[in-house]
């Protein structure tokens, strides 16, 4: 989970759940222990507090769970779409 995009993973899981008639059983882990010294930097990640795969995975897993629960993670840009019933006027 540490190097995955949580929103892409939520989208893929939702599609698989539909295809499988809601029988998807998804297993998620943070990944194996980091084999490379400061390996997260090779993937372009920075964590100034404690850069460990487990910490990055926890944050991404939380965002993944919020996405599959249907929580609003971002608002539509009214400049692009104009005001609507769900957008601020």
N, C-alpha and C. Protein backbone atom coordinates (compact mmCIF):
# COMPACT_ATOMS: atom_id res chain seq x y z
N UNK A 1 0.81 -1.19 0.00
CA UNK A 1 0.00 0.00 0.00
C UNK A 1 0.86 1.26 0.00
N UNK A 2 2.10 1.16 0.46
CA UNK A 2 2.87 2.40 0.63
C UNK A 2 3.16 3.11 -0.68
N UNK A 3 3.31 2.40 -1.79
CA UNK A 3 3.60 3.07 -3.05
C UNK A 3 2.40 3.10 -4.00
N UNK A 4 1.23 2.71 -3.52
CA UNK A 4 0.02 2.71 -4.34
C UNK A 4 -0.69 4.05 -4.22
N UNK A 5 -1.41 4.41 -5.27
CA UNK A 5 -2.29 5.57 -5.22
C UNK A 5 -3.60 5.08 -4.62
N UNK A 6 -4.00 5.58 -3.43
CA UNK A 6 -5.18 5.04 -2.76
C UNK A 6 -6.48 5.28 -3.52
N UNK A 7 -6.57 6.38 -4.26
CA UNK A 7 -7.79 6.67 -5.00
C UNK A 7 -7.91 5.77 -6.23
N UNK A 8 -6.80 5.50 -6.89
CA UNK A 8 -6.81 4.56 -8.02
C UNK A 8 -7.18 3.16 -7.53
N UNK A 9 -6.61 2.77 -6.40
CA UNK A 9 -6.91 1.45 -5.85
C UNK A 9 -8.38 1.34 -5.47
N UNK A 10 -8.96 2.39 -4.91
CA UNK A 10 -10.39 2.38 -4.56
C UNK A 10 -11.25 2.25 -5.82
N UNK A 11 -10.87 2.95 -6.88
CA UNK A 11 -11.60 2.87 -8.13
C UNK A 11 -11.53 1.45 -8.71
N UNK A 12 -10.36 0.86 -8.71
CA UNK A 12 -10.19 -0.50 -9.22
C UNK A 12 -10.97 -1.51 -8.36
N UNK A 13 -10.93 -1.35 -7.04
CA UNK A 13 -11.65 -2.25 -6.16
C UNK A 13 -13.16 -2.15 -6.39
N UNK A 14 -13.65 -0.93 -6.58
CA UNK A 14 -15.08 -0.75 -6.83
C UNK A 14 -15.50 -1.41 -8.14
N UNK A 15 -14.69 -1.29 -9.16
CA UNK A 15 -15.00 -1.92 -10.45
C UNK A 15 -14.99 -3.45 -10.30
N UNK A 16 -14.00 -3.99 -9.64
CA UNK A 16 -13.93 -5.44 -9.43
C UNK A 16 -15.11 -5.93 -8.60
N UNK A 17 -15.54 -5.13 -7.63
CA UNK A 17 -16.67 -5.50 -6.80
C UNK A 17 -17.94 -5.60 -7.66
N UNK A 18 -18.10 -4.69 -8.60
CA UNK A 18 -19.24 -4.74 -9.51
C UNK A 18 -19.18 -5.97 -10.41
N UNK A 19 -18.00 -6.22 -10.98
CA UNK A 19 -17.84 -7.37 -11.88
C UNK A 19 -18.06 -8.70 -11.16
N UNK A 20 -17.72 -8.75 -9.89
CA UNK A 20 -17.81 -10.01 -9.14
C UNK A 20 -19.14 -10.16 -8.41
N UNK A 21 -20.11 -9.31 -8.74
CA UNK A 21 -21.42 -9.34 -8.09
C UNK A 21 -21.29 -9.18 -6.58
N UNK A 22 -20.46 -8.24 -6.17
CA UNK A 22 -20.19 -7.88 -4.77
C UNK A 22 -19.62 -9.03 -3.95
N UNK A 23 -18.75 -9.81 -4.58
CA UNK A 23 -18.10 -10.91 -3.87
C UNK A 23 -16.61 -10.66 -3.72
N UNK A 24 -16.17 -9.43 -3.90
CA UNK A 24 -14.75 -9.11 -3.81
C UNK A 24 -14.27 -9.23 -2.37
N UNK A 25 -13.21 -9.95 -2.18
CA UNK A 25 -12.54 -10.05 -0.88
C UNK A 25 -11.14 -9.49 -1.10
N UNK A 26 -10.89 -8.32 -0.61
CA UNK A 26 -9.66 -7.60 -0.89
C UNK A 26 -8.72 -7.69 0.31
N UNK A 27 -7.50 -8.08 0.07
CA UNK A 27 -6.48 -8.09 1.11
C UNK A 27 -5.47 -6.98 0.85
N UNK A 28 -5.18 -6.21 1.85
CA UNK A 28 -4.27 -5.07 1.69
C UNK A 28 -3.21 -5.13 2.78
N UNK A 29 -1.97 -4.87 2.38
CA UNK A 29 -0.89 -4.78 3.36
C UNK A 29 -0.04 -3.56 3.04
N UNK A 30 0.83 -3.24 3.93
CA UNK A 30 1.72 -2.09 3.70
C UNK A 30 2.83 -2.44 2.74
N UNK A 31 3.02 -3.72 2.49
CA UNK A 31 4.11 -4.17 1.64
C UNK A 31 5.19 -4.82 2.48
N UNK A 32 6.15 -5.38 1.81
CA UNK A 32 7.24 -6.04 2.53
C UNK A 32 8.17 -5.00 3.15
N UNK A 33 9.00 -5.42 4.09
CA UNK A 33 9.97 -4.47 4.64
C UNK A 33 10.82 -3.87 3.53
N UNK A 34 11.16 -2.62 3.70
CA UNK A 34 11.91 -1.88 2.68
C UNK A 34 13.29 -2.49 2.48
N UNK A 35 13.57 -3.07 1.30
CA UNK A 35 14.87 -3.70 1.07
C UNK A 35 15.99 -2.69 0.79
N UNK A 36 15.64 -1.51 0.35
CA UNK A 36 16.65 -0.51 0.00
C UNK A 36 16.72 0.56 1.09
N UNK A 37 17.92 0.99 1.39
CA UNK A 37 18.11 2.08 2.34
C UNK A 37 17.46 3.33 1.78
N UNK A 38 16.51 3.90 2.52
CA UNK A 38 15.77 5.10 2.11
C UNK A 38 15.12 4.89 0.73
N UNK A 39 14.58 3.69 0.54
CA UNK A 39 13.99 3.31 -0.74
C UNK A 39 12.82 4.18 -1.16
N UNK A 40 12.08 4.73 -0.20
CA UNK A 40 10.94 5.58 -0.55
C UNK A 40 11.36 6.76 -1.40
N UNK A 41 12.59 7.24 -1.21
CA UNK A 41 13.07 8.38 -2.00
C UNK A 41 13.21 8.01 -3.48
N UNK A 42 13.54 6.73 -3.76
CA UNK A 42 13.66 6.29 -5.15
C UNK A 42 12.31 6.36 -5.86
N UNK A 43 11.22 6.28 -5.09
CA UNK A 43 9.89 6.36 -5.66
C UNK A 43 9.32 7.78 -5.59
N UNK A 44 10.12 8.73 -5.14
CA UNK A 44 9.70 10.12 -5.13
C UNK A 44 8.87 10.54 -3.93
N UNK A 45 8.94 9.81 -2.83
CA UNK A 45 8.17 10.15 -1.64
C UNK A 45 9.07 10.83 -0.62
N UNK A 46 8.46 11.76 0.11
CA UNK A 46 9.18 12.43 1.19
C UNK A 46 8.29 12.46 2.42
N UNK A 47 8.85 12.13 3.55
CA UNK A 47 8.15 12.22 4.83
C UNK A 47 9.17 12.78 5.80
N UNK A 48 9.00 14.03 6.15
CA UNK A 48 10.00 14.68 6.97
C UNK A 48 9.90 14.30 8.45
N UNK A 49 8.78 13.69 8.85
CA UNK A 49 8.65 13.32 10.25
C UNK A 49 9.25 11.94 10.53
N UNK A 50 8.82 10.94 9.80
CA UNK A 50 9.35 9.59 9.96
C UNK A 50 9.09 8.82 8.68
N UNK A 51 10.02 8.85 7.75
CA UNK A 51 9.78 8.25 6.42
C UNK A 51 9.92 6.73 6.43
N UNK A 52 8.88 6.05 6.85
CA UNK A 52 8.90 4.60 6.83
C UNK A 52 7.70 4.11 6.03
N UNK A 53 7.87 2.99 5.39
CA UNK A 53 6.81 2.43 4.56
C UNK A 53 5.52 2.23 5.35
N UNK A 54 5.63 1.81 6.59
CA UNK A 54 4.42 1.58 7.40
C UNK A 54 3.65 2.86 7.61
N UNK A 55 4.32 3.96 7.85
CA UNK A 55 3.64 5.24 8.05
C UNK A 55 2.96 5.71 6.78
N UNK A 56 3.65 5.59 5.64
CA UNK A 56 3.06 6.00 4.38
C UNK A 56 1.85 5.12 4.07
N UNK A 57 1.94 3.84 4.36
CA UNK A 57 0.84 2.92 4.09
C UNK A 57 -0.38 3.25 4.94
N UNK A 58 -0.16 3.60 6.21
CA UNK A 58 -1.29 3.94 7.08
C UNK A 58 -2.07 5.12 6.55
N UNK A 59 -1.39 6.18 6.15
CA UNK A 59 -2.05 7.36 5.61
C UNK A 59 -2.81 7.03 4.33
N UNK A 60 -2.20 6.26 3.45
CA UNK A 60 -2.86 5.92 2.19
C UNK A 60 -4.03 4.96 2.41
N UNK A 61 -3.89 4.05 3.37
CA UNK A 61 -4.99 3.14 3.66
C UNK A 61 -6.18 3.91 4.22
N UNK A 62 -5.93 4.91 5.06
CA UNK A 62 -7.00 5.74 5.59
C UNK A 62 -7.73 6.46 4.45
N UNK A 63 -6.98 7.00 3.51
CA UNK A 63 -7.60 7.68 2.37
C UNK A 63 -8.37 6.69 1.49
N UNK A 64 -7.82 5.50 1.30
CA UNK A 64 -8.49 4.44 0.56
C UNK A 64 -9.84 4.11 1.20
N UNK A 65 -9.85 3.92 2.52
CA UNK A 65 -11.09 3.59 3.22
C UNK A 65 -12.12 4.71 3.08
N UNK A 66 -11.67 5.96 3.20
CA UNK A 66 -12.59 7.08 3.04
C UNK A 66 -13.18 7.10 1.64
N UNK A 67 -12.38 6.76 0.64
CA UNK A 67 -12.86 6.77 -0.75
C UNK A 67 -13.90 5.67 -0.98
N UNK A 68 -13.65 4.46 -0.48
CA UNK A 68 -14.60 3.38 -0.74
C UNK A 68 -15.86 3.52 0.11
N UNK A 69 -15.79 4.30 1.17
CA UNK A 69 -16.99 4.59 1.97
C UNK A 69 -17.86 5.67 1.32
N UNK A 70 -17.30 6.31 0.31
CA UNK A 70 -18.06 7.35 -0.39
C UNK A 70 -17.94 8.73 0.22
N UNK A 71 -16.96 8.93 1.09
CA UNK A 71 -16.77 10.26 1.67
C UNK A 71 -16.28 11.23 0.61
N UNK A 72 -16.67 12.48 0.73
CA UNK A 72 -16.21 13.49 -0.22
C UNK A 72 -14.74 13.79 0.08
N UNK A 73 -13.90 13.61 -0.92
CA UNK A 73 -12.47 13.84 -0.75
C UNK A 73 -12.02 15.12 -1.43
N UNK A 74 -12.83 15.63 -2.35
CA UNK A 74 -12.50 16.87 -3.05
C UNK A 74 -13.80 17.47 -3.58
N UNK A 75 -13.84 18.76 -3.64
CA UNK A 75 -15.02 19.46 -4.18
C UNK A 75 -14.78 19.79 -5.64
N UNK A 76 -15.88 19.86 -6.40
CA UNK A 76 -15.78 20.25 -7.81
C UNK A 76 -15.40 21.72 -7.90
N UNK A 77 -14.67 22.08 -8.92
CA UNK A 77 -14.25 23.46 -9.14
C UNK A 77 -15.39 24.22 -9.82
N UNK A 78 -16.04 25.17 -9.12
CA UNK A 78 -17.15 25.89 -9.73
C UNK A 78 -16.71 26.76 -10.92
N UNK A 79 -15.44 27.12 -11.00
CA UNK A 79 -14.93 27.87 -12.14
C UNK A 79 -15.01 27.03 -13.42
N UNK A 80 -14.83 25.74 -13.27
CA UNK A 80 -14.84 24.86 -14.42
C UNK A 80 -16.24 24.35 -14.75
N UNK A 81 -17.04 24.06 -13.72
CA UNK A 81 -18.33 23.44 -13.95
C UNK A 81 -19.51 24.37 -13.69
N UNK A 82 -19.28 25.53 -13.10
CA UNK A 82 -20.37 26.45 -12.77
C UNK A 82 -21.11 25.98 -11.53
N UNK A 83 -21.86 26.88 -10.90
CA UNK A 83 -22.60 26.49 -9.70
C UNK A 83 -23.71 25.50 -10.04
N UNK A 84 -23.93 24.60 -9.17
CA UNK A 84 -24.98 23.61 -9.35
C UNK A 84 -25.58 23.28 -8.01
N UNK A 85 -26.46 22.29 -7.95
CA UNK A 85 -27.11 21.99 -6.68
C UNK A 85 -26.16 21.52 -5.59
N UNK A 86 -25.04 20.91 -5.98
CA UNK A 86 -24.08 20.42 -4.99
C UNK A 86 -22.86 21.31 -4.86
N UNK A 87 -22.84 22.42 -5.58
CA UNK A 87 -21.67 23.30 -5.56
C UNK A 87 -22.02 24.61 -4.86
N UNK A 88 -21.06 25.21 -4.18
CA UNK A 88 -21.32 26.51 -3.56
C UNK A 88 -21.60 27.56 -4.64
N UNK A 89 -22.47 28.49 -4.32
CA UNK A 89 -22.82 29.55 -5.29
C UNK A 89 -21.94 30.75 -5.09
